[in-house]
Amino acid sequence: MHADALVENSGLRALCAIDAVASGATLKVPSEGTDYAVFNLDGRFYVTQDACTHGPGSLSEGYVENGEIECPFHQGRFDITSGQPTAPPCSDALRVWTVHLVDGQVCIDPAEDRRAG
């Protein structure tokens, strides 16, 4: 089955090609009113909301180190895998999505609502 058909039939949304995000990099993907941050951590992909929960920072413009993203606006940090804040002034968790790799595409179910505890 072609990726587009699989995505369409499953409720998944393709955000980008796997090779569009180099290892250690982040890509901002605007899609239907939501901006997503797609992370590639050594070949494992993660998707969070792009907007920092503390202020107007775009996490895709932040600095990735040791599995964390540092917001470029105020230097607060989040665990990329869980969305949990790891450094002040961040205190609210990010929305995160389960990643599905389908035919070379990074996909998510946009209706999924997962937040760190």
PDB file of N, CA and C in Angstrom:
ATOM      1  N   MET A   1       0.847  -1.175   0.000  1.00  0.00           N
ATOM      2  CA  MET A   1       0.000   0.000   0.000  1.00  0.00           C
ATOM      3  C   MET A   1       0.890   1.235   0.000  1.00  0.00           C
ATOM      4  N   HIS A   2       0.558   2.227  -0.765  1.00  0.00           N
ATOM      5  CA  HIS A   2       1.319   3.469  -0.855  1.00  0.00           C
ATOM      6  C   HIS A   2       1.188   4.248   0.452  1.00  0.00           C
ATOM      7  N   ALA A   3       2.228   4.981   0.832  1.00  0.00           N
ATOM      8  CA  ALA A   3       2.240   5.718   2.105  1.00  0.00           C
ATOM      9  C   ALA A   3       1.063   6.670   2.216  1.00  0.00           C
ATOM     10  N   ASP A   4       0.728   7.391   1.132  1.00  0.00           N
ATOM     11  CA  ASP A   4      -0.380   8.343   1.196  1.00  0.00           C
ATOM     12  C   ASP A   4      -1.691   7.641   1.537  1.00  0.00           C
ATOM     13  N   ALA A   5      -1.930   6.476   0.922  1.00  0.00           N
ATOM     14  CA  ALA A   5      -3.148   5.729   1.200  1.00  0.00           C
ATOM     15  C   ALA A   5      -3.155   5.215   2.637  1.00  0.00           C
ATOM     16  N   LEU A   6      -2.019   4.692   3.090  1.00  0.00           N
ATOM     17  CA  LEU A   6      -1.927   4.204   4.461  1.00  0.00           C
ATOM     18  C   LEU A   6      -2.176   5.334   5.445  1.00  0.00           C
ATOM     19  N   VAL A   7      -1.551   6.466   5.203  1.00  0.00           N
ATOM     20  CA  VAL A   7      -1.710   7.619   6.085  1.00  0.00           C
ATOM     21  C   VAL A   7      -3.163   8.067   6.080  1.00  0.00           C
ATOM     22  N   GLU A   8      -3.746   8.196   4.916  1.00  0.00           N
ATOM     23  CA  GLU A   8      -5.129   8.659   4.797  1.00  0.00           C
ATOM     24  C   GLU A   8      -6.095   7.712   5.498  1.00  0.00           C
ATOM     25  N   ASN A   9      -5.909   6.404   5.332  1.00  0.00           N
ATOM     26  CA  ASN A   9      -6.819   5.421   5.911  1.00  0.00           C
ATOM     27  C   ASN A   9      -6.630   5.222   7.410  1.00  0.00           C
ATOM     28  N   SER A  10      -5.493   5.582   7.957  1.00  0.00           N
ATOM     29  CA  SER A  10      -5.217   5.337   9.370  1.00  0.00           C
ATOM     30  C   SER A  10      -5.431   6.559  10.248  1.00  0.00           C
ATOM     31  N   GLY A  11      -5.641   7.718   9.661  1.00  0.00           N
ATOM     32  CA  GLY A  11      -5.739   8.949  10.438  1.00  0.00           C
ATOM     33  C   GLY A  11      -4.386   9.581  10.703  1.00  0.00           C
ATOM     34  N   LEU A  12      -3.323   8.947  10.211  1.00  0.00           N
ATOM     35  CA  LEU A  12      -1.992   9.509  10.399  1.00  0.00           C
ATOM     36  C   LEU A  12      -1.767  10.666   9.434  1.00  0.00           C
ATOM     37  N   ARG A  13      -0.919  11.600   9.845  1.00  0.00           N
ATOM     38  CA  ARG A  13      -0.524  12.709   8.984  1.00  0.00           C
ATOM     39  C   ARG A  13       0.975  12.640   8.769  1.00  0.00           C
ATOM     40  N   ALA A  14       1.394  12.666   7.506  1.00  0.00           N
ATOM     41  CA  ALA A  14       2.820  12.710   7.180  1.00  0.00           C
ATOM     42  C   ALA A  14       3.311  14.138   7.380  1.00  0.00           C
ATOM     43  N   LEU A  15       4.372  14.290   8.176  1.00  0.00           N
ATOM     44  CA  LEU A  15       4.931  15.616   8.440  1.00  0.00           C
ATOM     45  C   LEU A  15       6.097  15.943   7.522  1.00  0.00           C
ATOM     46  N   CYS A  16       6.970  14.959   7.282  1.00  0.00           N
ATOM     47  CA  CYS A  16       8.147  15.206   6.456  1.00  0.00           C
ATOM     48  C   CYS A  16       8.803  13.875   6.112  1.00  0.00           C
ATOM     49  N   ALA A  17       9.715  13.926   5.170  1.00  0.00           N
ATOM     50  CA  ALA A  17      10.516  12.747   4.844  1.00  0.00           C
ATOM     51  C   ALA A  17      11.547  12.527   5.942  1.00  0.00           C
ATOM     52  N   ILE A  18      11.856  11.264   6.203  1.00  0.00           N
ATOM     53  CA  ILE A  18      12.866  10.925   7.203  1.00  0.00           C
ATOM     54  C   ILE A  18      14.190  11.628   6.893  1.00  0.00           C
ATOM     55  N   ASP A  19      14.577  11.644   5.623  1.00  0.00           N
ATOM     56  CA  ASP A  19      15.869  12.240   5.271  1.00  0.00           C
ATOM     57  C   ASP A  19      15.856  13.769   5.275  1.00  0.00           C
ATOM     58  N   ALA A  20      14.727  14.386   5.613  1.00  0.00           N
ATOM     59  CA  ALA A  20      14.665  15.844   5.719  1.00  0.00           C
ATOM     60  C   ALA A  20      15.207  16.350   7.059  1.00  0.00           C
ATOM     61  N   VAL A  21      15.423  15.416   8.003  1.00  0.00           N
ATOM     62  CA  VAL A  21      15.894  15.792   9.340  1.00  0.00           C
ATOM     63  C   VAL A  21      17.175  15.007   9.632  1.00  0.00           C
ATOM     64  N   ALA A  22      18.302  15.685   9.556  1.00  0.00           N
ATOM     65  CA  ALA A  22      19.595  15.041   9.819  1.00  0.00           C
ATOM     66  C   ALA A  22      19.697  14.652  11.290  1.00  0.00           C
ATOM     67  N   SER A  23      20.539  13.679  11.582  1.00  0.00           N
ATOM     68  CA  SER A  23      20.759  13.265  12.957  1.00  0.00           C
ATOM     69  C   SER A  23      21.220  14.456  13.797  1.00  0.00           C
ATOM     70  N   GLY A  24      20.569  14.654  14.938  1.00  0.00           N
ATOM     71  CA  GLY A  24      20.892  15.762  15.827  1.00  0.00           C
ATOM     72  C   GLY A  24      20.183  17.055  15.464  1.00  0.00           C
ATOM     73  N   ALA A  25      19.388  17.037  14.400  1.00  0.00           N
ATOM     74  CA  ALA A  25      18.729  18.252  13.921  1.00  0.00           C
ATOM     75  C   ALA A  25      17.244  18.268  14.281  1.00  0.00           C
ATOM     76  N   THR A  26      16.652  19.427  14.055  1.00  0.00           N
ATOM     77  CA  THR A  26      15.230  19.659  14.297  1.00  0.00           C
ATOM     78  C   THR A  26      14.641  20.351  13.081  1.00  0.00           C
ATOM     79  N   LEU A  27      13.401  20.024  12.767  1.00  0.00           N
ATOM     80  CA  LEU A  27      12.709  20.642  11.639  1.00  0.00           C
ATOM     81  C   LEU A  27      11.347  21.137  12.095  1.00  0.00           C
ATOM     82  N   LYS A  28      11.024  22.390  11.797  1.00  0.00           N
ATOM     83  CA  LYS A  28       9.698  22.940  12.071  1.00  0.00           C
ATOM     84  C   LYS A  28       8.790  22.577  10.909  1.00  0.00           C
ATOM     85  N   VAL A  29       7.614  22.022  11.234  1.00  0.00           N
ATOM     86  CA  VAL A  29       6.654  21.626  10.209  1.00  0.00           C
ATOM     87  C   VAL A  29       5.299  22.243  10.550  1.00  0.00           C
ATOM     88  N   PRO A  30       4.910  23.302   9.833  1.00  0.00           N
ATOM     89  CA  PRO A  30       3.566  23.850  10.022  1.00  0.00           C
ATOM     90  C   PRO A  30       2.551  22.951   9.307  1.00  0.00           C
ATOM     91  N   SER A  31       1.441  22.650   9.976  1.00  0.00           N
ATOM     92  CA  SER A  31       0.432  21.784   9.371  1.00  0.00           C
ATOM     93  C   SER A  31      -0.932  22.063   9.981  1.00  0.00           C
ATOM     94  N   GLU A  32      -1.827  22.564   9.173  1.00  0.00           N
ATOM     95  CA  GLU A  32      -3.218  22.787   9.570  1.00  0.00           C
ATOM     96  C   GLU A  32      -3.349  23.496  10.915  1.00  0.00           C
ATOM     97  N   GLY A  33      -2.680  24.629  11.058  1.00  0.00           N
ATOM     98  CA  GLY A  33      -2.829  25.450  12.251  1.00  0.00           C
ATOM     99  C   GLY A  33      -1.951  25.072  13.428  1.00  0.00           C
ATOM    100  N   THR A  34      -1.186  24.009  13.321  1.00  0.00           N
ATOM    101  CA  THR A  34      -0.285  23.591  14.395  1.00  0.00           C
ATOM    102  C   THR A  34       1.130  23.525  13.842  1.00  0.00           C
ATOM    103  N   ASP A  35       2.073  24.055  14.605  1.00  0.00           N
ATOM    104  CA  ASP A  35       3.481  23.922  14.239  1.00  0.00           C
ATOM    105  C   ASP A  35       4.086  22.799  15.071  1.00  0.00           C
ATOM    106  N   TYR A  36       4.707  21.855  14.379  1.00  0.00           N
ATOM    107  CA  TYR A  36       5.346  20.715  15.021  1.00  0.00           C
ATOM    108  C   TYR A  36       6.855  20.871  14.953  1.00  0.00           C
ATOM    109  N   ALA A  37       7.555  20.323  15.940  1.00  0.00           N
ATOM    110  CA  ALA A  37       9.012  20.217  15.907  1.00  0.00           C
ATOM    111  C   ALA A  37       9.335  18.739  15.760  1.00  0.00           C
ATOM    112  N   VAL A  38      10.029  18.376  14.670  1.00  0.00           N
ATOM    113  CA  VAL A  38      10.432  16.997  14.414  1.00  0.00           C
ATOM    114  C   VAL A  38      11.913  16.888  14.744  1.00  0.00           C
ATOM    115  N   PHE A  39      12.251  15.964  15.630  1.00  0.00           N
ATOM    116  CA  PHE A  39      13.624  15.761  16.088  1.00  0.00           C
ATOM    117  C   PHE A  39      14.149  14.420  15.601  1.00  0.00           C
ATOM    118  N   ASN A  40      15.419  14.385  15.236  1.00  0.00           N
ATOM    119  CA  ASN A  40      16.108  13.144  14.909  1.00  0.00           C
ATOM    120  C   ASN A  40      17.246  13.003  15.909  1.00  0.00           C
ATOM    121  N   LEU A  41      17.083  12.081  16.849  1.00  0.00           N
ATOM    122  CA  LEU A  41      18.123  11.808  17.841  1.00  0.00           C
ATOM    123  C   LEU A  41      18.751  10.468  17.491  1.00  0.00           C
ATOM    124  N   ASP A  42      19.870  10.526  16.780  1.00  0.00           N
ATOM    125  CA  ASP A  42      20.603   9.320  16.383  1.00  0.00           C
ATOM    126  C   ASP A  42      19.715   8.298  15.679  1.00  0.00           C
ATOM    127  N   GLY A  43      18.888   8.778  14.752  1.00  0.00           N
ATOM    128  CA  GLY A  43      18.040   7.890  13.962  1.00  0.00           C
ATOM    129  C   GLY A  43      16.697   7.562  14.576  1.00  0.00           C
ATOM    130  N   ARG A  44      16.427   8.068  15.757  1.00  0.00           N
ATOM    131  CA  ARG A  44      15.107   7.916  16.397  1.00  0.00           C
ATOM    132  C   ARG A  44      14.398   9.253  16.287  1.00  0.00           C
ATOM    133  N   PHE A  45      13.150   9.205  15.862  1.00  0.00           N
ATOM    134  CA  PHE A  45      12.404  10.426  15.599  1.00  0.00           C
ATOM    135  C   PHE A  45      11.384  10.692  16.701  1.00  0.00           C
ATOM    136  N   TYR A  46      11.233  11.981  17.009  1.00  0.00           N
ATOM    137  CA  TYR A  46      10.297  12.441  18.033  1.00  0.00           C
ATOM    138  C   TYR A  46       9.597  13.681  17.491  1.00  0.00           C
ATOM    139  N   VAL A  47       8.352  13.876  17.923  1.00  0.00           N
ATOM    140  CA  VAL A  47       7.595  15.056  17.514  1.00  0.00           C
ATOM    141  C   VAL A  47       6.971  15.689  18.752  1.00  0.00           C
ATOM    142  N   THR A  48       7.193  16.996  18.891  1.00  0.00           N
ATOM    143  CA  THR A  48       6.569  17.782  19.952  1.00  0.00           C
ATOM    144  C   THR A  48       5.918  19.004  19.311  1.00  0.00           C
ATOM    145  N   GLN A  49       5.166  19.724  20.115  1.00  0.00           N
ATOM    146  CA  GLN A  49       4.704  21.023  19.652  1.00  0.00           C
ATOM    147  C   GLN A  49       5.936  21.891  19.468  1.00  0.00           C
ATOM    148  N   ASP A  50       5.895  22.813  18.516  1.00  0.00           N
ATOM    149  CA  ASP A  50       7.050  23.670  18.277  1.00  0.00           C
ATOM    150  C   ASP A  50       7.100  24.832  19.261  1.00  0.00           C
ATOM    151  N   ALA A  51       5.951  25.304  19.706  1.00  0.00           N
ATOM    152  CA  ALA A  51       5.887  26.461  20.603  1.00  0.00           C
ATOM    153  C   ALA A  51       6.275  26.069  22.022  1.00  0.00           C
ATOM    154  N   CYS A  52       7.174  26.832  22.605  1.00  0.00           N
ATOM    155  CA  CYS A  52       7.539  26.637  24.003  1.00  0.00           C
ATOM    156  C   CYS A  52       6.303  26.891  24.867  1.00  0.00           C
ATOM    157  N   THR A  53       6.163  26.151  25.959  1.00  0.00           N
ATOM    158  CA  THR A  53       5.015  26.348  26.852  1.00  0.00           C
ATOM    159  C   THR A  53       5.200  27.543  27.779  1.00  0.00           C
ATOM    160  N   HIS A  54       6.383  28.134  27.794  1.00  0.00           N
ATOM    161  CA  HIS A  54       6.662  29.254  28.689  1.00  0.00           C
ATOM    162  C   HIS A  54       6.554  30.615  28.011  1.00  0.00           C
ATOM    163  N   GLY A  55       6.864  30.694  26.742  1.00  0.00           N
ATOM    164  CA  GLY A  55       6.857  31.984  26.058  1.00  0.00           C
ATOM    165  C   GLY A  55       6.809  31.791  24.561  1.00  0.00           C
ATOM    166  N   PRO A  56       7.155  32.828  23.815  1.00  0.00           N
ATOM    167  CA  PRO A  56       6.995  32.792  22.357  1.00  0.00           C
ATOM    168  C   PRO A  56       8.106  32.073  21.590  1.00  0.00           C
ATOM    169  N   GLY A  57       8.938  31.306  22.238  1.00  0.00           N
ATOM    170  CA  GLY A  57      10.051  30.645  21.559  1.00  0.00           C
ATOM    171  C   GLY A  57       9.613  29.518  20.644  1.00  0.00           C
ATOM    172  N   SER A  58      10.324  29.373  19.530  1.00  0.00           N
ATOM    173  CA  SER A  58      10.131  28.266  18.597  1.00  0.00           C
ATOM    174  C   SER A  58      11.194  27.216  18.896  1.00  0.00           C
ATOM    175  N   LEU A  59      10.783  26.054  19.384  1.00  0.00           N
ATOM    176  CA  LEU A  59      11.746  25.042  19.802  1.00  0.00           C
ATOM    177  C   LEU A  59      12.584  24.511  18.647  1.00  0.00           C
ATOM    178  N   SER A  60      12.053  24.549  17.434  1.00  0.00           N
ATOM    179  CA  SER A  60      12.834  24.076  16.288  1.00  0.00           C
ATOM    180  C   SER A  60      14.040  24.970  16.018  1.00  0.00           C
ATOM    181  N   GLU A  61      14.053  26.146  16.608  1.00  0.00           N
ATOM    182  CA  GLU A  61      15.194  27.055  16.480  1.00  0.00           C
ATOM    183  C   GLU A  61      16.135  26.939  17.671  1.00  0.00           C
ATOM    184  N   GLY A  62      15.829  26.011  18.584  1.00  0.00           N
ATOM    185  CA  GLY A  62      16.621  25.848  19.799  1.00  0.00           C
ATOM    186  C   GLY A  62      17.823  24.951  19.613  1.00  0.00           C
ATOM    187  N   TYR A  63      18.497  24.694  20.712  1.00  0.00           N
ATOM    188  CA  TYR A  63      19.730  23.923  20.739  1.00  0.00           C
ATOM    189  C   TYR A  63      19.463  22.540  21.326  1.00  0.00           C
ATOM    190  N   VAL A  64      19.829  21.487  20.593  1.00  0.00           N
ATOM    191  CA  VAL A  64      19.641  20.110  21.041  1.00  0.00           C
ATOM    192  C   VAL A  64      20.936  19.595  21.658  1.00  0.00           C
ATOM    193  N   GLU A  65      20.814  19.056  22.885  1.00  0.00           N
ATOM    194  CA  GLU A  65      21.970  18.447  23.539  1.00  0.00           C
ATOM    195  C   GLU A  65      21.482  17.417  24.555  1.00  0.00           C
ATOM    196  N   ASN A  66      22.084  16.238  24.515  1.00  0.00           N
ATOM    197  CA  ASN A  66      21.783  15.171  25.477  1.00  0.00           C
ATOM    198  C   ASN A  66      20.292  14.869  25.589  1.00  0.00           C
ATOM    199  N   GLY A  67      19.594  14.839  24.457  1.00  0.00           N
ATOM    200  CA  GLY A  67      18.177  14.490  24.453  1.00  0.00           C
ATOM    201  C   GLY A  67      17.247  15.586  24.927  1.00  0.00           C
ATOM    202  N   GLU A  68      17.783  16.799  25.063  1.00  0.00           N
ATOM    203  CA  GLU A  68      16.968  17.934  25.485  1.00  0.00           C
ATOM    204  C   GLU A  68      16.992  19.021  24.416  1.00  0.00           C
ATOM    205  N   ILE A  69      15.917  19.799  24.386  1.00  0.00           N
ATOM    206  CA  ILE A  69      15.851  20.972  23.520  1.00  0.00           C
ATOM    207  C   ILE A  69      15.830  22.204  24.418  1.00  0.00           C
ATOM    208  N   GLU A  70      16.720  23.146  24.094  1.00  0.00           N
ATOM    209  CA  GLU A  70      16.775  24.403  24.842  1.00  0.00           C
ATOM    210  C   GLU A  70      16.063  25.473  24.035  1.00  0.00           C
ATOM    211  N   CYS A  71      15.086  26.108  24.634  1.00  0.00           N
ATOM    212  CA  CYS A  71      14.335  27.169  23.965  1.00  0.00           C
ATOM    213  C   CYS A  71      15.252  28.364  23.708  1.00  0.00           C
ATOM    214  N   PRO A  72      15.258  28.882  22.492  1.00  0.00           N
ATOM    215  CA  PRO A  72      16.124  30.018  22.185  1.00  0.00           C
ATOM    216  C   PRO A  72      15.646  31.324  22.805  1.00  0.00           C
ATOM    217  N   PHE A  73      14.433  31.357  23.309  1.00  0.00           N
ATOM    218  CA  PHE A  73      13.865  32.594  23.861  1.00  0.00           C
ATOM    219  C   PHE A  73      14.333  32.858  25.281  1.00  0.00           C
ATOM    220  N   HIS A  74      14.346  31.815  26.132  1.00  0.00           N
ATOM    221  CA  HIS A  74      14.693  32.039  27.548  1.00  0.00           C
ATOM    222  C   HIS A  74      15.577  30.947  28.135  1.00  0.00           C
ATOM    223  N   GLN A  75      16.070  30.031  27.303  1.00  0.00           N
ATOM    224  CA  GLN A  75      16.998  28.977  27.689  1.00  0.00           C
ATOM    225  C   GLN A  75      16.410  27.928  28.639  1.00  0.00           C
ATOM    226  N   GLY A  76      15.088  27.872  28.771  1.00  0.00           N
ATOM    227  CA  GLY A  76      14.467  26.747  29.468  1.00  0.00           C
ATOM    228  C   GLY A  76      14.643  25.504  28.605  1.00  0.00           C
ATOM    229  N   ARG A  77      14.528  24.319  29.206  1.00  0.00           N
ATOM    230  CA  ARG A  77      14.763  23.084  28.450  1.00  0.00           C
ATOM    231  C   ARG A  77      13.651  22.061  28.699  1.00  0.00           C
ATOM    232  N   PHE A  78      13.533  21.156  27.705  1.00  0.00           N
ATOM    233  CA  PHE A  78      12.575  20.057  27.768  1.00  0.00           C
ATOM    234  C   PHE A  78      13.246  18.766  27.346  1.00  0.00           C
ATOM    235  N   ASP A  79      12.808  17.665  27.935  1.00  0.00           N
ATOM    236  CA  ASP A  79      13.204  16.339  27.474  1.00  0.00           C
ATOM    237  C   ASP A  79      12.448  16.084  26.166  1.00  0.00           C
ATOM    238  N   ILE A  80      13.158  15.821  25.097  1.00  0.00           N
ATOM    239  CA  ILE A  80      12.541  15.641  23.783  1.00  0.00           C
ATOM    240  C   ILE A  80      11.681  14.382  23.753  1.00  0.00           C
ATOM    241  N   THR A  81      12.081  13.337  24.436  1.00  0.00           N
ATOM    242  CA  THR A  81      11.353  12.067  24.354  1.00  0.00           C
ATOM    243  C   THR A  81      10.027  12.090  25.100  1.00  0.00           C
ATOM    244  N   SER A  82       9.933  12.876  26.161  1.00  0.00           N
ATOM    245  CA  SER A  82       8.715  12.883  26.983  1.00  0.00           C
ATOM    246  C   SER A  82       7.973  14.207  26.980  1.00  0.00           C
ATOM    247  N   GLY A  83       8.651  15.296  26.622  1.00  0.00           N
ATOM    248  CA  GLY A  83       8.049  16.620  26.700  1.00  0.00           C
ATOM    249  C   GLY A  83       8.148  17.251  28.075  1.00  0.00           C
ATOM    250  N   GLN A  84       8.714  16.524  29.021  1.00  0.00           N
ATOM    251  CA  GLN A  84       8.818  17.017  30.402  1.00  0.00           C
ATOM    252  C   GLN A  84       9.812  18.182  30.487  1.00  0.00           C
ATOM    253  N   PRO A  85       9.456  19.284  31.197  1.00  0.00           N
ATOM    254  CA  PRO A  85      10.423  20.370  31.380  1.00  0.00           C
ATOM    255  C   PRO A  85      11.581  19.892  32.256  1.00  0.00           C
ATOM    256  N   THR A  86      12.798  20.341  31.910  1.00  0.00           N
ATOM    257  CA  THR A  86      13.981  19.908  32.663  1.00  0.00           C
ATOM    258  C   THR A  86      14.776  21.068  33.244  1.00  0.00           C
ATOM    259  N   ALA A  87      14.452  22.301  32.850  1.00  0.00           N
ATOM    260  CA  ALA A  87      15.159  23.466  33.399  1.00  0.00           C
ATOM    261  C   ALA A  87      14.232  24.670  33.391  1.00  0.00           C
ATOM    262  N   PRO A  88      14.286  25.472  34.466  1.00  0.00           N
ATOM    263  CA  PRO A  88      13.465  26.672  34.530  1.00  0.00           C
ATOM    264  C   PRO A  88      13.888  27.678  33.462  1.00  0.00           C
ATOM    265  N   PRO A  89      13.007  28.525  33.060  1.00  0.00           N
ATOM    266  CA  PRO A  89      11.710  28.802  33.673  1.00  0.00           C
ATOM    267  C   PRO A  89      10.577  27.920  33.172  1.00  0.00           C
ATOM    268  N   CYS A  90      10.857  26.895  32.391  1.00  0.00           N
ATOM    269  CA  CYS A  90       9.797  26.016  31.887  1.00  0.00           C
ATOM    270  C   CYS A  90       9.237  25.169  33.024  1.00  0.00           C
ATOM    271  N   SER A  91       7.910  25.086  33.092  1.00  0.00           N
ATOM    272  CA  SER A  91       7.282  24.248  34.117  1.00  0.00           C
ATOM    273  C   SER A  91       6.139  23.411  33.557  1.00  0.00           C
ATOM    274  N   ASP A  92       5.601  23.784  32.406  1.00  0.00           N
ATOM    275  CA  ASP A  92       4.512  23.022  31.785  1.00  0.00           C
ATOM    276  C   ASP A  92       5.077  22.130  30.687  1.00  0.00           C
ATOM    277  N   ALA A  93       4.602  20.891  30.656  1.00  0.00           N
ATOM    278  CA  ALA A  93       5.078  19.919  29.672  1.00  0.00           C
ATOM    279  C   ALA A  93       4.626  20.277  28.262  1.00  0.00           C
ATOM    280  N   LEU A  94       5.396  19.818  27.297  1.00  0.00           N
ATOM    281  CA  LEU A  94       5.045  19.951  25.889  1.00  0.00           C
ATOM    282  C   LEU A  94       4.054  18.873  25.499  1.00  0.00           C
ATOM    283  N   ARG A  95       3.272  19.151  24.487  1.00  0.00           N
ATOM    284  CA  ARG A  95       2.465  18.112  23.861  1.00  0.00           C
ATOM    285  C   ARG A  95       3.411  17.301  22.972  1.00  0.00           C
ATOM    286  N   VAL A  96       3.304  15.991  23.038  1.00  0.00           N
ATOM    287  CA  VAL A  96       4.147  15.098  22.239  1.00  0.00           C
ATOM    288  C   VAL A  96       3.253  14.111  21.493  1.00  0.00           C
ATOM    289  N   TRP A  97       3.768  13.589  20.389  1.00  0.00           N
ATOM    290  CA  TRP A  97       3.038  12.622  19.576  1.00  0.00           C
ATOM    291  C   TRP A  97       3.890  11.389  19.374  1.00  0.00           C
ATOM    292  N   THR A  98       3.246  10.236  19.282  1.00  0.00           N
ATOM    293  CA  THR A  98       3.913   8.997  18.928  1.00  0.00           C
ATOM    294  C   THR A  98       4.265   9.060  17.451  1.00  0.00           C
ATOM    295  N   VAL A  99       5.500   8.747  17.121  1.00  0.00           N
ATOM    296  CA  VAL A  99       5.955   8.794  15.731  1.00  0.00           C
ATOM    297  C   VAL A  99       5.760   7.429  15.074  1.00  0.00           C
ATOM    298  N   HIS A 100       5.239   7.473  13.856  1.00  0.00           N
ATOM    299  CA  HIS A 100       5.087   6.288  13.014  1.00  0.00           C
ATOM    300  C   HIS A 100       5.900   6.555  11.752  1.00  0.00           C
ATOM    301  N   LEU A 101       6.833   5.675  11.434  1.00  0.00           N
ATOM    302  CA  LEU A 101       7.620   5.810  10.212  1.00  0.00           C
ATOM    303  C   LEU A 101       6.961   4.951   9.142  1.00  0.00           C
ATOM    304  N   VAL A 102       6.454   5.608   8.095  1.00  0.00           N
ATOM    305  CA  VAL A 102       5.710   4.930   7.042  1.00  0.00           C
ATOM    306  C   VAL A 102       6.314   5.298   5.694  1.00  0.00           C
ATOM    307  N   ASP A 103       6.878   4.315   5.007  1.00  0.00           N
ATOM    308  CA  ASP A 103       7.438   4.523   3.660  1.00  0.00           C
ATOM    309  C   ASP A 103       8.329   5.761   3.576  1.00  0.00           C
ATOM    310  N   GLY A 104       9.240   5.892   4.533  1.00  0.00           N
ATOM    311  CA  GLY A 104      10.195   6.996   4.500  1.00  0.00           C
ATOM    312  C   GLY A 104       9.662   8.322   4.991  1.00  0.00           C
ATOM    313  N   GLN A 105       8.471   8.313   5.591  1.00  0.00           N
ATOM    314  CA  GLN A 105       7.860   9.545   6.095  1.00  0.00           C
ATOM    315  C   GLN A 105       7.724   9.490   7.616  1.00  0.00           C
ATOM    316  N   VAL A 106       7.906  10.647   8.263  1.00  0.00           N
ATOM    317  CA  VAL A 106       7.636  10.789   9.686  1.00  0.00           C
ATOM    318  C   VAL A 106       6.161  11.164   9.806  1.00  0.00           C
ATOM    319  N   CYS A 107       5.392  10.305  10.468  1.00  0.00           N
ATOM    320  CA  CYS A 107       3.943  10.503  10.574  1.00  0.00           C
ATOM    321  C   CYS A 107       3.509  10.518  12.032  1.00  0.00           C
ATOM    322  N   ILE A 108       2.391  11.202  12.291  1.00  0.00           N
ATOM    323  CA  ILE A 108       1.773  11.221  13.616  1.00  0.00           C
ATOM    324  C   ILE A 108       0.262  11.131  13.455  1.00  0.00           C
ATOM    325  N   ASP A 109      -0.419  10.834  14.544  1.00  0.00           N
ATOM    326  CA  ASP A 109      -1.865  10.967  14.611  1.00  0.00           C
ATOM    327  C   ASP A 109      -2.122  12.304  15.282  1.00  0.00           C
ATOM    328  N   PRO A 110      -2.550  13.330  14.533  1.00  0.00           N
ATOM    329  CA  PRO A 110      -2.698  14.657  15.123  1.00  0.00           C
ATOM    330  C   PRO A 110      -3.737  14.726  16.234  1.00  0.00           C
ATOM    331  N   ALA A 111      -4.644  13.746  16.294  1.00  0.00           N
ATOM    332  CA  ALA A 111      -5.668  13.724  17.342  1.00  0.00           C
ATOM    333  C   ALA A 111      -5.139  13.183  18.672  1.00  0.00           C
ATOM    334  N   GLU A 112      -3.967  12.529  18.633  1.00  0.00           N
ATOM    335  CA  GLU A 112      -3.390  11.992  19.865  1.00  0.00           C
ATOM    336  C   GLU A 112      -3.078  13.135  20.822  1.00  0.00           C
ATOM    337  N   ASP A 113      -3.417  12.938  22.092  1.00  0.00           N
ATOM    338  CA  ASP A 113      -3.130  13.966  23.091  1.00  0.00           C
ATOM    339  C   ASP A 113      -2.335  13.337  24.228  1.00  0.00           C
ATOM    340  N   ARG A 114      -1.023  13.453  24.107  1.00  0.00           N
ATOM    341  CA  ARG A 114      -0.098  12.911  25.106  1.00  0.00           C
ATOM    342  C   ARG A 114       0.687  14.058  25.707  1.00  0.00           C
ATOM    343  N   ARG A 115       0.650  14.173  26.995  1.00  0.00           N
ATOM    344  CA  ARG A 115       1.469  15.171  27.683  1.00  0.00           C
ATOM    345  C   ARG A 115       2.219  14.473  28.797  1.00  0.00           C
ATOM    346  N   ALA A 116       3.410  15.000  29.042  1.00  0.00           N
ATOM    347  CA  ALA A 116       4.204  14.457  30.153  1.00  0.00           C
ATOM    348  C   ALA A 116       3.491  14.757  31.456  1.00  0.00           C
ATOM    349  N   GLY A 117       3.691  13.887  32.424  1.00  0.00           N
ATOM    350  CA  GLY A 117       2.983  13.971  33.684  1.00  0.00           C
ATOM    351  C   GLY A 117       3.483  14.971  34.627  1.00  0.00           C
TER     352      GLY A 117
END
